[in-house]
Amino acid sequence: MKISYDQETDSLYIRLVDGYHECRTLRLNDEIALNIGAGEVLVSVEILDASLVLGSGQVPQVVLENIPFQVVSTAA
């Protein structure tokens, strides 16, 4: 899973499945879209105006519970 945030556009992108997938987009509302791949697999979630949609005008803290993960740091 990869979670990325673009501060310039205030958009949050959560990729649940790695690799390229042809998807159809299911818009839940003007801010939230689900990308659905083959076999109705949820591939990713896109949230526009993320700081407003998810909370107090700031990007919320992300908490992972019972999920094995590896921290990867990239230089900007």
C-alpha atoms as a PDB file:
ATOM      1  CA  MET A   1       0.000   0.000   0.000  1.00  0.00           C
ATOM      2  CA  LYS A   2       1.197   3.491  -0.802  1.00  0.00           C
ATOM      3  CA  ILE A   3      -0.304   6.674   0.605  1.00  0.00           C
ATOM      4  CA  SER A   4       0.731   9.964  -0.965  1.00  0.00           C
ATOM      5  CA  TYR A   5      -0.355  13.523  -0.336  1.00  0.00           C
ATOM      6  CA  ASP A   6       0.052  16.478  -2.696  1.00  0.00           C
ATOM      7  CA  GLN A   7       0.059  19.643  -0.610  1.00  0.00           C
ATOM      8  CA  GLU A   8      -0.243  21.894  -3.669  1.00  0.00           C
ATOM      9  CA  THR A   9      -3.556  20.320  -4.745  1.00  0.00           C
ATOM     10  CA  ASP A  10      -4.568  19.130  -1.244  1.00  0.00           C
ATOM     11  CA  SER A  11      -5.213  15.643  -2.587  1.00  0.00           C
ATOM     12  CA  LEU A  12      -4.625  12.297  -0.890  1.00  0.00           C
ATOM     13  CA  TYR A  13      -4.077   9.151  -2.947  1.00  0.00           C
ATOM     14  CA  ILE A  14      -4.195   5.709  -1.358  1.00  0.00           C
ATOM     15  CA  ARG A  15      -2.948   2.903  -3.611  1.00  0.00           C
ATOM     16  CA  LEU A  16      -3.960  -0.476  -2.227  1.00  0.00           C
ATOM     17  CA  VAL A  17      -2.696  -2.690  -5.075  1.00  0.00           C
ATOM     18  CA  ASP A  18       0.712  -2.253  -6.731  1.00  0.00           C
ATOM     19  CA  GLY A  19       1.257  -2.223 -10.478  1.00  0.00           C
ATOM     20  CA  TYR A  20      -0.744  -1.028 -13.460  1.00  0.00           C
ATOM     21  CA  HIS A  21      -4.462  -1.814 -13.498  1.00  0.00           C
ATOM     22  CA  GLU A  22      -7.177  -0.751 -15.887  1.00  0.00           C
ATOM     23  CA  CYS A  23      -9.847   0.676 -13.648  1.00  0.00           C
ATOM     24  CA  ARG A  24     -13.261   2.172 -13.706  1.00  0.00           C
ATOM     25  CA  THR A  25     -13.843   5.114 -11.405  1.00  0.00           C
ATOM     26  CA  LEU A  26     -16.727   5.182  -8.972  1.00  0.00           C
ATOM     27  CA  ARG A  27     -17.284   8.702  -7.652  1.00  0.00           C
ATOM     28  CA  LEU A  28     -18.823   8.723  -4.197  1.00  0.00           C
ATOM     29  CA  ASN A  29     -19.128  12.515  -4.270  1.00  0.00           C
ATOM     30  CA  ASP A  30     -17.227  15.523  -5.677  1.00  0.00           C
ATOM     31  CA  GLU A  31     -14.227  14.831  -3.419  1.00  0.00           C
ATOM     32  CA  ILE A  32     -13.923  11.029  -3.147  1.00  0.00           C
ATOM     33  CA  ALA A  33     -13.347   8.549  -5.975  1.00  0.00           C
ATOM     34  CA  LEU A  34     -12.744   4.799  -5.876  1.00  0.00           C
ATOM     35  CA  ASN A  35     -10.755   3.108  -8.633  1.00  0.00           C
ATOM     36  CA  ILE A  36     -12.065  -0.409  -9.201  1.00  0.00           C
ATOM     37  CA  GLY A  37     -10.021  -2.957 -11.154  1.00  0.00           C
ATOM     38  CA  ALA A  38     -10.727  -6.352 -12.696  1.00  0.00           C
ATOM     39  CA  GLY A  39     -12.722  -8.691 -10.491  1.00  0.00           C
ATOM     40  CA  GLU A  40     -14.172  -5.689  -8.637  1.00  0.00           C
ATOM     41  CA  VAL A  41     -10.922  -5.239  -6.674  1.00  0.00           C
ATOM     42  CA  LEU A  42     -10.534  -1.848  -5.006  1.00  0.00           C
ATOM     43  CA  VAL A  43      -7.219  -0.599  -6.427  1.00  0.00           C
ATOM     44  CA  SER A  44      -7.058   2.933  -5.021  1.00  0.00           C
ATOM     45  CA  VAL A  45      -8.894   5.791  -3.346  1.00  0.00           C
ATOM     46  CA  GLU A  46      -8.480   9.446  -4.282  1.00  0.00           C
ATOM     47  CA  ILE A  47      -9.578  12.235  -1.945  1.00  0.00           C
ATOM     48  CA  LEU A  48      -9.654  15.827  -3.199  1.00  0.00           C
ATOM     49  CA  ASP A  49      -9.683  18.708  -0.695  1.00  0.00           C
ATOM     50  CA  ALA A  50      -8.264  16.129   1.710  1.00  0.00           C
ATOM     51  CA  SER A  51      -7.578  18.444   4.625  1.00  0.00           C
ATOM     52  CA  LEU A  52     -11.220  19.586   4.625  1.00  0.00           C
ATOM     53  CA  VAL A  53     -12.806  16.196   3.901  1.00  0.00           C
ATOM     54  CA  LEU A  54     -10.799  14.334   6.525  1.00  0.00           C
ATOM     55  CA  GLY A  55     -10.857  16.774   9.357  1.00  0.00           C
ATOM     56  CA  SER A  56      -9.828  19.989  10.924  1.00  0.00           C
ATOM     57  CA  GLY A  57      -8.248  21.739   7.964  1.00  0.00           C
ATOM     58  CA  GLN A  58      -5.029  19.761   8.427  1.00  0.00           C
ATOM     59  CA  VAL A  59      -3.911  16.460   6.974  1.00  0.00           C
ATOM     60  CA  PRO A  60      -4.864  13.875   9.613  1.00  0.00           C
ATOM     61  CA  GLN A  61      -2.463  11.549  11.364  1.00  0.00           C
ATOM     62  CA  VAL A  62      -2.322   8.105   9.752  1.00  0.00           C
ATOM     63  CA  VAL A  63      -2.451   5.134  12.133  1.00  0.00           C
ATOM     64  CA  LEU A  64      -1.700   1.612  10.916  1.00  0.00           C
ATOM     65  CA  GLU A  65      -2.927  -1.221  13.117  1.00  0.00           C
ATOM     66  CA  ASN A  66      -1.908  -4.851  12.679  1.00  0.00           C
ATOM     67  CA  ILE A  67      -0.518  -4.188   9.207  1.00  0.00           C
ATOM     68  CA  PRO A  68       3.045  -5.186   8.414  1.00  0.00           C
ATOM     69  CA  PHE A  69       4.778  -2.303   6.654  1.00  0.00           C
ATOM     70  CA  GLN A  70       8.133  -0.890   5.680  1.00  0.00           C
ATOM     71  CA  VAL A  71       8.988   2.795   5.939  1.00  0.00           C
ATOM     72  CA  VAL A  72      10.520   4.099   2.702  1.00  0.00           C
ATOM     73  CA  SER A  73      11.950   7.585   2.681  1.00  0.00           C
ATOM     74  CA  THR A  74      12.409   9.502  -0.554  1.00  0.00           C
ATOM     75  CA  ALA A  75      14.330  12.750  -0.888  1.00  0.00           C
ATOM     76  CA  ALA A  76      12.280  15.533  -2.416  1.00  0.00           C
END
